[in-house]
N, C-alpha and C. Protein backbone atom coordinates (compact mmCIF):
# COMPACT_ATOMS: atom_id res chain seq x y z
N MET A 1 24.03 -8.60 27.53
CA MET A 1 23.13 -9.56 26.95
C MET A 1 21.74 -9.32 27.53
N SER A 2 20.73 -9.43 26.71
CA SER A 2 19.36 -9.18 27.12
C SER A 2 18.89 -10.30 28.04
N GLU A 3 18.03 -9.94 29.01
CA GLU A 3 17.47 -10.97 29.89
C GLU A 3 16.54 -11.90 29.15
N ALA A 4 16.00 -11.46 28.01
CA ALA A 4 15.09 -12.31 27.23
C ALA A 4 15.85 -13.39 26.46
N MET A 5 17.14 -13.25 26.36
CA MET A 5 17.94 -14.23 25.63
C MET A 5 18.36 -15.34 26.58
N THR A 6 18.45 -16.55 26.05
CA THR A 6 18.92 -17.68 26.85
C THR A 6 20.44 -17.68 26.86
N ASP A 7 21.04 -18.61 27.60
CA ASP A 7 22.49 -18.70 27.66
C ASP A 7 23.09 -18.96 26.29
N ALA A 8 22.35 -19.65 25.42
CA ALA A 8 22.87 -19.96 24.09
C ALA A 8 22.74 -18.78 23.14
N GLY A 9 22.10 -17.68 23.60
CA GLY A 9 21.98 -16.50 22.77
C GLY A 9 20.79 -16.53 21.83
N THR A 10 19.83 -17.39 22.09
CA THR A 10 18.65 -17.46 21.23
C THR A 10 17.45 -16.91 21.97
N ASP A 11 16.50 -16.44 21.21
CA ASP A 11 15.27 -15.91 21.77
C ASP A 11 14.35 -17.08 22.10
N PRO A 12 13.89 -17.22 23.35
CA PRO A 12 13.04 -18.36 23.71
C PRO A 12 11.73 -18.37 22.93
N ALA A 13 11.22 -17.23 22.51
CA ALA A 13 9.98 -17.20 21.74
C ALA A 13 10.17 -17.85 20.37
N ALA A 14 11.38 -17.84 19.87
CA ALA A 14 11.65 -18.44 18.56
C ALA A 14 11.63 -19.97 18.63
N ASP A 15 11.69 -20.54 19.80
CA ASP A 15 11.69 -22.00 19.94
C ASP A 15 10.30 -22.60 19.78
N GLY A 16 9.24 -21.80 19.86
CA GLY A 16 7.87 -22.30 19.75
C GLY A 16 7.51 -22.60 18.31
N PRO A 17 6.31 -23.18 18.10
CA PRO A 17 5.89 -23.50 16.74
C PRO A 17 5.66 -22.23 15.92
N ALA A 18 5.93 -22.33 14.65
CA ALA A 18 5.72 -21.19 13.75
C ALA A 18 4.22 -20.94 13.61
N ALA A 19 3.86 -19.71 13.41
CA ALA A 19 2.45 -19.36 13.23
C ALA A 19 1.95 -19.95 11.91
N ALA A 20 0.66 -20.25 11.87
CA ALA A 20 0.06 -20.80 10.66
C ALA A 20 0.13 -19.76 9.55
N ALA A 21 0.51 -20.20 8.36
CA ALA A 21 0.58 -19.32 7.20
C ALA A 21 0.37 -20.17 5.94
N PRO A 22 -0.45 -19.69 5.02
CA PRO A 22 -0.65 -20.45 3.77
C PRO A 22 0.66 -20.67 3.04
N LEU A 23 0.83 -21.88 2.50
CA LEU A 23 2.05 -22.19 1.77
C LEU A 23 1.98 -21.70 0.33
N GLY A 24 0.77 -21.45 -0.15
CA GLY A 24 0.62 -20.95 -1.51
C GLY A 24 0.90 -21.98 -2.58
N VAL A 25 0.75 -23.26 -2.25
CA VAL A 25 0.98 -24.32 -3.21
C VAL A 25 -0.35 -24.67 -3.87
N GLY A 26 -0.39 -24.58 -5.19
CA GLY A 26 -1.61 -24.90 -5.92
C GLY A 26 -1.82 -26.40 -6.04
N ARG A 27 -3.06 -26.79 -6.12
CA ARG A 27 -3.39 -28.20 -6.30
C ARG A 27 -4.30 -28.31 -7.52
N GLU A 28 -3.91 -29.11 -8.48
CA GLU A 28 -4.71 -29.30 -9.68
C GLU A 28 -5.47 -30.61 -9.58
N PRO A 29 -6.74 -30.61 -10.00
CA PRO A 29 -7.53 -31.85 -9.95
C PRO A 29 -6.92 -32.92 -10.86
N THR A 30 -6.98 -34.15 -10.40
CA THR A 30 -6.46 -35.27 -11.18
C THR A 30 -7.54 -35.96 -11.98
N GLY A 31 -8.80 -35.73 -11.60
CA GLY A 31 -9.90 -36.43 -12.25
C GLY A 31 -10.28 -37.71 -11.52
N LEU A 32 -9.51 -38.08 -10.52
CA LEU A 32 -9.81 -39.25 -9.70
C LEU A 32 -10.34 -38.74 -8.36
N PRO A 33 -11.64 -38.92 -8.10
CA PRO A 33 -12.24 -38.33 -6.90
C PRO A 33 -11.53 -38.68 -5.59
N ALA A 34 -11.10 -39.92 -5.42
CA ALA A 34 -10.44 -40.30 -4.17
C ALA A 34 -9.10 -39.58 -4.01
N VAL A 35 -8.35 -39.47 -5.09
CA VAL A 35 -7.05 -38.79 -5.05
C VAL A 35 -7.26 -37.29 -4.85
N ASP A 36 -8.24 -36.71 -5.56
CA ASP A 36 -8.51 -35.28 -5.41
C ASP A 36 -8.90 -34.93 -3.98
N ALA A 37 -9.68 -35.80 -3.33
CA ALA A 37 -10.09 -35.55 -1.94
C ALA A 37 -8.87 -35.57 -1.02
N LEU A 38 -7.95 -36.48 -1.27
CA LEU A 38 -6.73 -36.54 -0.45
C LEU A 38 -5.88 -35.30 -0.67
N LEU A 39 -5.74 -34.87 -1.90
CA LEU A 39 -4.93 -33.68 -2.18
C LEU A 39 -5.57 -32.43 -1.60
N GLU A 40 -6.88 -32.36 -1.62
CA GLU A 40 -7.55 -31.21 -1.01
C GLU A 40 -7.32 -31.17 0.50
N ARG A 41 -7.12 -32.33 1.09
CA ARG A 41 -6.83 -32.38 2.53
C ARG A 41 -5.55 -31.64 2.87
N LEU A 42 -4.65 -31.54 1.91
CA LEU A 42 -3.40 -30.81 2.14
C LEU A 42 -3.67 -29.33 2.44
N ALA A 43 -4.81 -28.82 2.01
CA ALA A 43 -5.15 -27.42 2.29
C ALA A 43 -5.27 -27.16 3.78
N GLU A 44 -5.52 -28.21 4.57
CA GLU A 44 -5.61 -28.06 6.02
C GLU A 44 -4.31 -27.52 6.61
N THR A 45 -3.20 -27.81 5.96
CA THR A 45 -1.91 -27.36 6.49
C THR A 45 -1.80 -25.83 6.48
N ASP A 46 -2.60 -25.16 5.63
CA ASP A 46 -2.58 -23.70 5.60
C ASP A 46 -3.11 -23.09 6.89
N ARG A 47 -3.89 -23.85 7.64
CA ARG A 47 -4.48 -23.34 8.89
C ARG A 47 -3.78 -23.89 10.13
N LEU A 48 -2.79 -24.74 9.93
CA LEU A 48 -2.09 -25.37 11.06
C LEU A 48 -0.70 -24.78 11.23
N THR A 49 -0.22 -24.82 12.46
CA THR A 49 1.17 -24.46 12.67
C THR A 49 2.03 -25.58 12.10
N ALA A 50 3.29 -25.30 11.89
CA ALA A 50 4.20 -26.26 11.26
C ALA A 50 4.22 -27.61 11.99
N ASP A 51 4.08 -27.60 13.31
CA ASP A 51 4.13 -28.88 14.03
C ASP A 51 2.88 -29.72 13.80
N GLY A 52 1.85 -29.19 13.18
CA GLY A 52 0.65 -29.95 12.87
C GLY A 52 0.64 -30.52 11.46
N HIS A 53 1.61 -30.14 10.64
CA HIS A 53 1.65 -30.60 9.25
C HIS A 53 1.91 -32.10 9.13
N LEU A 54 2.75 -32.64 9.98
CA LEU A 54 3.17 -34.03 9.84
C LEU A 54 2.00 -34.99 9.84
N ALA A 55 1.05 -34.81 10.73
CA ALA A 55 -0.10 -35.72 10.81
C ALA A 55 -0.90 -35.70 9.51
N VAL A 56 -1.08 -34.51 8.94
CA VAL A 56 -1.82 -34.40 7.68
C VAL A 56 -1.02 -35.08 6.56
N TYR A 57 0.27 -34.78 6.47
CA TYR A 57 1.10 -35.38 5.42
C TYR A 57 1.10 -36.90 5.50
N GLU A 58 1.22 -37.43 6.71
CA GLU A 58 1.23 -38.89 6.87
C GLU A 58 -0.10 -39.50 6.46
N ASP A 59 -1.20 -38.86 6.83
CA ASP A 59 -2.53 -39.37 6.48
C ASP A 59 -2.72 -39.34 4.96
N VAL A 60 -2.35 -38.25 4.32
CA VAL A 60 -2.48 -38.15 2.86
C VAL A 60 -1.58 -39.18 2.19
N HIS A 61 -0.38 -39.35 2.70
CA HIS A 61 0.55 -40.33 2.13
C HIS A 61 -0.02 -41.73 2.21
N ARG A 62 -0.60 -42.09 3.37
CA ARG A 62 -1.23 -43.41 3.53
C ARG A 62 -2.35 -43.59 2.51
N GLY A 63 -3.18 -42.56 2.36
CA GLY A 63 -4.29 -42.64 1.41
C GLY A 63 -3.83 -42.79 -0.02
N LEU A 64 -2.80 -42.04 -0.41
CA LEU A 64 -2.28 -42.14 -1.77
C LEU A 64 -1.65 -43.51 -2.02
N ARG A 65 -0.95 -44.03 -1.02
CA ARG A 65 -0.38 -45.38 -1.17
C ARG A 65 -1.48 -46.42 -1.35
N ALA A 66 -2.56 -46.27 -0.60
CA ALA A 66 -3.68 -47.21 -0.72
C ALA A 66 -4.30 -47.13 -2.11
N GLU A 67 -4.42 -45.91 -2.64
CA GLU A 67 -4.96 -45.75 -3.99
C GLU A 67 -4.04 -46.40 -5.02
N LEU A 68 -2.73 -46.21 -4.87
CA LEU A 68 -1.79 -46.83 -5.80
C LEU A 68 -1.83 -48.35 -5.69
N THR A 69 -1.91 -48.86 -4.48
CA THR A 69 -1.97 -50.30 -4.27
C THR A 69 -3.22 -50.88 -4.92
N SER A 70 -4.33 -50.14 -4.83
CA SER A 70 -5.57 -50.65 -5.43
C SER A 70 -5.46 -50.75 -6.95
N LEU A 71 -4.59 -49.96 -7.56
CA LEU A 71 -4.38 -50.07 -9.01
C LEU A 71 -3.70 -51.38 -9.38
N ASP A 72 -2.91 -51.92 -8.46
CA ASP A 72 -2.22 -53.18 -8.71
C ASP A 72 -3.12 -54.39 -8.51
N ALA A 73 -4.21 -54.22 -7.79
CA ALA A 73 -5.12 -55.34 -7.53
C ALA A 73 -5.93 -55.61 -8.79
N HIS A 74 -5.79 -56.79 -9.29
CA HIS A 74 -6.54 -57.17 -10.48
C HIS A 74 -7.87 -57.77 -10.05
N PRO A 75 -8.94 -57.41 -10.75
CA PRO A 75 -10.22 -58.00 -10.39
C PRO A 75 -10.19 -59.50 -10.65
N ALA A 76 -10.89 -60.22 -9.81
CA ALA A 76 -10.94 -61.68 -9.98
C ALA A 76 -11.53 -61.98 -11.35
N SER A 77 -10.85 -62.83 -12.09
CA SER A 77 -11.35 -63.17 -13.42
C SER A 77 -12.56 -64.09 -13.31
N ALA A 78 -13.46 -63.92 -14.24
CA ALA A 78 -14.66 -64.75 -14.25
C ALA A 78 -14.27 -66.17 -14.60
N PRO A 79 -14.91 -67.14 -13.98
CA PRO A 79 -14.56 -68.53 -14.33
C PRO A 79 -14.90 -68.81 -15.79
N ARG A 80 -14.02 -69.54 -16.43
CA ARG A 80 -14.24 -69.87 -17.83
C ARG A 80 -15.25 -71.04 -17.93
N PRO A 81 -16.09 -70.96 -18.94
CA PRO A 81 -17.02 -72.10 -19.10
C PRO A 81 -16.24 -73.35 -19.45
N HIS A 82 -16.75 -74.47 -19.06
CA HIS A 82 -16.10 -75.77 -19.32
C HIS A 82 -16.10 -76.05 -20.82
N ASP A 83 -14.95 -76.43 -21.34
CA ASP A 83 -14.83 -76.76 -22.76
C ASP A 83 -14.81 -78.28 -22.87
N PRO A 84 -15.88 -78.88 -23.35
CA PRO A 84 -15.95 -80.36 -23.38
C PRO A 84 -15.05 -80.97 -24.44
N ARG A 85 -14.30 -80.22 -25.23
CA ARG A 85 -13.49 -80.81 -26.31
C ARG A 85 -12.15 -81.33 -25.80
N SER A 86 -11.88 -81.34 -24.57
CA SER A 86 -10.56 -81.73 -24.09
C SER A 86 -10.26 -83.17 -24.21
């Protein structure tokens, strides 16, 4: 058995984070500037090692949830004028 191998038979260098490599995933614009900015942030993962992806994914997920939640918020309706015929 090689001295570089651990007792479990694995290479200790393989236990470290994977080197940064582009994922090659395309991103198409949605036409919504806030959503497009969040999706473009995913490009940061191409320059990060795998252990750095989680923070970006969580941040983008939070932003997308906030954008979806804002779609459910209805604008306050304007007060109706008083109808004296009541």
